[in-house]
Amino acid sequence: MHKGFLITAAWLGAITVILGAFGAHTLKLWVDTDTLNVYETGIHYQMFHVLAMLLVGVLYKSFPGKWMRSSGRFFALGILFFSGSLYVITLLKAMHTAKGINIIGPITPMGGLFFILGWITLAIAIQRRS
């Protein structure tokens, strides 16, 4: 097992639940439905990839190496860039400002690319050891 990925995933999982509760109980009072949907997309993708990081941490024992480490790192970067950018966009909209959205918006697809790379490197890690 890769303890670092397991610990990171556990903390990110806790943060995901906190952010989800904030969105469900408080944020919905500040933003419109479309903006709340953007925020919830960030929450969903974060939780899916927290689970993927847990999987990487567990699979590392059977499939150790640079490909598996890269997979976990890509998932973490995807959470930061994809979900993080959606949270920032939501915050900017909650503050009723459009400043910065044009800069933050293009970061979201980069996060999606990191998620894709995480899944691809996970497949490579497993394939190379089988």
C-alpha atoms as a PDB file:
ATOM      1  CA  MET A   1       0.000   0.000   0.000  1.00  0.00           C
ATOM      2  CA  HIS A   2       1.071   3.558  -0.603  1.00  0.00           C
ATOM      3  CA  LYS A   3       0.431   5.325   2.676  1.00  0.00           C
ATOM      4  CA  GLY A   4       0.775   8.824   1.174  1.00  0.00           C
ATOM      5  CA  PHE A   5      -2.051   8.305  -1.307  1.00  0.00           C
ATOM      6  CA  LEU A   6      -4.250   6.721   1.348  1.00  0.00           C
ATOM      7  CA  ILE A   7      -3.740   9.598   3.782  1.00  0.00           C
ATOM      8  CA  THR A   8      -4.235  12.233   1.077  1.00  0.00           C
ATOM      9  CA  ALA A   9      -7.410  10.517  -0.113  1.00  0.00           C
ATOM     10  CA  ALA A  10      -8.763  10.310   3.440  1.00  0.00           C
ATOM     11  CA  TRP A  11      -8.237  14.038   4.016  1.00  0.00           C
ATOM     12  CA  LEU A  12      -9.640  14.953   0.612  1.00  0.00           C
ATOM     13  CA  GLY A  13     -12.647  12.737   1.327  1.00  0.00           C
ATOM     14  CA  ALA A  14     -13.330  14.609   4.557  1.00  0.00           C
ATOM     15  CA  ILE A  15     -12.954  17.945   2.756  1.00  0.00           C
ATOM     16  CA  THR A  16     -15.363  16.733   0.064  1.00  0.00           C
ATOM     17  CA  VAL A  17     -18.050  15.957   2.632  1.00  0.00           C
ATOM     18  CA  ILE A  18     -17.550  19.350   4.310  1.00  0.00           C
ATOM     19  CA  LEU A  19     -17.755  21.189   0.971  1.00  0.00           C
ATOM     20  CA  GLY A  20     -20.810  19.153  -0.026  1.00  0.00           C
ATOM     21  CA  ALA A  21     -22.602  20.034   3.211  1.00  0.00           C
ATOM     22  CA  PHE A  22     -21.678  23.689   2.751  1.00  0.00           C
ATOM     23  CA  GLY A  23     -23.144  23.603  -0.757  1.00  0.00           C
ATOM     24  CA  ALA A  24     -26.333  21.875   0.326  1.00  0.00           C
ATOM     25  CA  HIS A  25     -27.046  24.037   3.366  1.00  0.00           C
ATOM     26  CA  THR A  26     -25.432  27.441   2.876  1.00  0.00           C
ATOM     27  CA  LEU A  27     -24.211  28.050  -0.651  1.00  0.00           C
ATOM     28  CA  LYS A  28     -27.650  27.450  -2.148  1.00  0.00           C
ATOM     29  CA  LEU A  29     -28.797  30.608  -0.355  1.00  0.00           C
ATOM     30  CA  TRP A  30     -26.156  32.720  -2.135  1.00  0.00           C
ATOM     31  CA  VAL A  31     -26.082  31.482  -5.738  1.00  0.00           C
ATOM     32  CA  ASP A  32     -28.520  30.519  -8.480  1.00  0.00           C
ATOM     33  CA  THR A  33     -29.292  26.932  -9.461  1.00  0.00           C
ATOM     34  CA  ASP A  34     -26.916  26.901 -12.452  1.00  0.00           C
ATOM     35  CA  THR A  35     -24.000  28.032 -10.306  1.00  0.00           C
ATOM     36  CA  LEU A  36     -24.883  25.495  -7.628  1.00  0.00           C
ATOM     37  CA  ASN A  37     -24.852  22.792 -10.312  1.00  0.00           C
ATOM     38  CA  VAL A  38     -21.308  23.843 -11.286  1.00  0.00           C
ATOM     39  CA  TYR A  39     -20.254  23.536  -7.630  1.00  0.00           C
ATOM     40  CA  GLU A  40     -21.917  20.126  -7.287  1.00  0.00           C
ATOM     41  CA  THR A  41     -20.086  18.913 -10.400  1.00  0.00           C
ATOM     42  CA  GLY A  42     -16.830  19.779  -8.627  1.00  0.00           C
ATOM     43  CA  ILE A  43     -17.969  17.874  -5.534  1.00  0.00           C
ATOM     44  CA  HIS A  44     -18.936  14.773  -7.535  1.00  0.00           C
ATOM     45  CA  TYR A  45     -15.709  14.632  -9.517  1.00  0.00           C
ATOM     46  CA  GLN A  46     -13.684  15.219  -6.379  1.00  0.00           C
ATOM     47  CA  MET A  47     -15.325  12.313  -4.541  1.00  0.00           C
ATOM     48  CA  PHE A  48     -15.004   9.957  -7.524  1.00  0.00           C
ATOM     49  CA  HIS A  49     -11.312  10.704  -7.756  1.00  0.00           C
ATOM     50  CA  VAL A  50     -10.765  10.521  -4.003  1.00  0.00           C
ATOM     51  CA  LEU A  51     -12.012   6.945  -4.345  1.00  0.00           C
ATOM     52  CA  ALA A  52      -9.648   6.479  -7.299  1.00  0.00           C
ATOM     53  CA  MET A  53      -6.753   7.687  -5.124  1.00  0.00           C
ATOM     54  CA  LEU A  54      -7.753   5.174  -2.451  1.00  0.00           C
ATOM     55  CA  LEU A  55      -7.708   2.505  -5.142  1.00  0.00           C
ATOM     56  CA  VAL A  56      -4.223   3.589  -6.208  1.00  0.00           C
ATOM     57  CA  GLY A  57      -3.053   3.464  -2.602  1.00  0.00           C
ATOM     58  CA  VAL A  58      -4.347  -0.083  -2.178  1.00  0.00           C
ATOM     59  CA  LEU A  59      -3.223  -1.344  -5.597  1.00  0.00           C
ATOM     60  CA  TYR A  60       0.274   0.048  -5.120  1.00  0.00           C
ATOM     61  CA  LYS A  61       1.206  -3.023  -3.061  1.00  0.00           C
ATOM     62  CA  SER A  62       0.510  -5.327  -6.014  1.00  0.00           C
ATOM     63  CA  PHE A  63       1.521  -2.936  -8.795  1.00  0.00           C
ATOM     64  CA  PRO A  64       4.297  -0.696  -7.418  1.00  0.00           C
ATOM     65  CA  GLY A  65       6.248   1.699  -9.563  1.00  0.00           C
ATOM     66  CA  LYS A  66       6.326   5.010 -11.357  1.00  0.00           C
ATOM     67  CA  TRP A  67       3.142   4.422 -13.377  1.00  0.00           C
ATOM     68  CA  MET A  68       1.034   3.825 -10.267  1.00  0.00           C
ATOM     69  CA  ARG A  69       2.604   6.817  -8.498  1.00  0.00           C
ATOM     70  CA  SER A  70       1.912   8.943 -11.568  1.00  0.00           C
ATOM     71  CA  SER A  71      -1.705   7.807 -11.541  1.00  0.00           C
ATOM     72  CA  GLY A  72      -2.231   8.960  -7.959  1.00  0.00           C
ATOM     73  CA  ARG A  73      -0.499  12.256  -8.643  1.00  0.00           C
ATOM     74  CA  PHE A  74      -2.603  12.871 -11.749  1.00  0.00           C
ATOM     75  CA  PHE A  75      -5.783  12.217  -9.760  1.00  0.00           C
ATOM     76  CA  ALA A  76      -4.651  14.722  -7.105  1.00  0.00           C
ATOM     77  CA  LEU A  77      -3.813  17.322  -9.767  1.00  0.00           C
ATOM     78  CA  GLY A  78      -7.168  16.694 -11.424  1.00  0.00           C
ATOM     79  CA  ILE A  79      -8.964  17.384  -8.163  1.00  0.00           C
ATOM     80  CA  LEU A  80      -6.981  20.577  -7.675  1.00  0.00           C
ATOM     81  CA  PHE A  81      -7.440  21.908 -11.202  1.00  0.00           C
ATOM     82  CA  PHE A  82     -10.898  20.578 -12.132  1.00  0.00           C
ATOM     83  CA  SER A  83     -12.813  20.719  -8.866  1.00  0.00           C
ATOM     84  CA  GLY A  84     -10.773  23.612  -7.492  1.00  0.00           C
ATOM     85  CA  SER A  85     -11.457  25.785 -10.524  1.00  0.00           C
ATOM     86  CA  LEU A  86     -15.192  25.070 -10.286  1.00  0.00           C
ATOM     87  CA  TYR A  87     -15.135  26.082  -6.612  1.00  0.00           C
ATOM     88  CA  VAL A  88     -13.348  29.337  -7.475  1.00  0.00           C
ATOM     89  CA  ILE A  89     -15.825  30.087 -10.268  1.00  0.00           C
ATOM     90  CA  THR A  90     -18.680  29.488  -7.819  1.00  0.00           C
ATOM     91  CA  LEU A  91     -17.040  31.769  -5.258  1.00  0.00           C
ATOM     92  CA  LEU A  92     -16.595  34.537  -7.823  1.00  0.00           C
ATOM     93  CA  LYS A  93     -20.241  34.248  -8.856  1.00  0.00           C
ATOM     94  CA  ALA A  94     -21.323  34.283  -5.197  1.00  0.00           C
ATOM     95  CA  MET A  95     -19.382  37.539  -4.836  1.00  0.00           C
ATOM     96  CA  HIS A  96     -21.242  38.835  -7.923  1.00  0.00           C
ATOM     97  CA  THR A  97     -18.078  39.484  -9.870  1.00  0.00           C
ATOM     98  CA  ALA A  98     -17.069  38.255 -13.306  1.00  0.00           C
ATOM     99  CA  LYS A  99     -13.448  39.259 -12.746  1.00  0.00           C
ATOM    100  CA  GLY A 100     -11.187  36.264 -12.998  1.00  0.00           C
ATOM    101  CA  ILE A 101     -13.731  33.843 -14.453  1.00  0.00           C
ATOM    102  CA  ASN A 102     -12.142  34.134 -17.909  1.00  0.00           C
ATOM    103  CA  ILE A 103      -8.785  33.193 -16.374  1.00  0.00           C
ATOM    104  CA  ILE A 104     -10.096  30.376 -14.159  1.00  0.00           C
ATOM    105  CA  GLY A 105     -12.428  28.821 -16.755  1.00  0.00           C
ATOM    106  CA  PRO A 106      -9.681  27.366 -18.991  1.00  0.00           C
ATOM    107  CA  ILE A 107      -8.101  25.641 -15.977  1.00  0.00           C
ATOM    108  CA  THR A 108     -11.081  23.264 -15.646  1.00  0.00           C
ATOM    109  CA  PRO A 109     -10.324  21.259 -18.827  1.00  0.00           C
ATOM    110  CA  MET A 110      -6.703  20.923 -17.705  1.00  0.00           C
ATOM    111  CA  GLY A 111      -8.037  19.188 -14.597  1.00  0.00           C
ATOM    112  CA  GLY A 112     -10.115  16.908 -16.791  1.00  0.00           C
ATOM    113  CA  LEU A 113      -6.973  16.043 -18.736  1.00  0.00           C
ATOM    114  CA  PHE A 114      -5.213  15.160 -15.466  1.00  0.00           C
ATOM    115  CA  PHE A 115      -8.130  12.852 -14.559  1.00  0.00           C
ATOM    116  CA  ILE A 116      -7.851  11.129 -17.941  1.00  0.00           C
ATOM    117  CA  LEU A 117      -4.081  10.757 -17.521  1.00  0.00           C
ATOM    118  CA  GLY A 118      -4.668   9.286 -14.064  1.00  0.00           C
ATOM    119  CA  TRP A 119      -6.918   6.572 -15.470  1.00  0.00           C
ATOM    120  CA  ILE A 120      -4.566   5.872 -18.379  1.00  0.00           C
ATOM    121  CA  THR A 121      -1.493   5.576 -16.161  1.00  0.00           C
ATOM    122  CA  LEU A 122      -3.474   3.348 -13.775  1.00  0.00           C
ATOM    123  CA  ALA A 123      -4.243   1.025 -16.687  1.00  0.00           C
ATOM    124  CA  ILE A 124      -0.598   1.044 -17.784  1.00  0.00           C
ATOM    125  CA  ALA A 125       0.589   0.306 -14.227  1.00  0.00           C
ATOM    126  CA  ILE A 126      -1.683  -2.722 -13.996  1.00  0.00           C
ATOM    127  CA  GLN A 127      -0.946  -3.928 -17.524  1.00  0.00           C
ATOM    128  CA  ARG A 128       2.828  -3.730 -17.129  1.00  0.00           C
ATOM    129  CA  ARG A 129       2.782  -5.875 -13.989  1.00  0.00           C
ATOM    130  CA  SER A 130       0.370  -8.547 -15.241  1.00  0.00           C
END
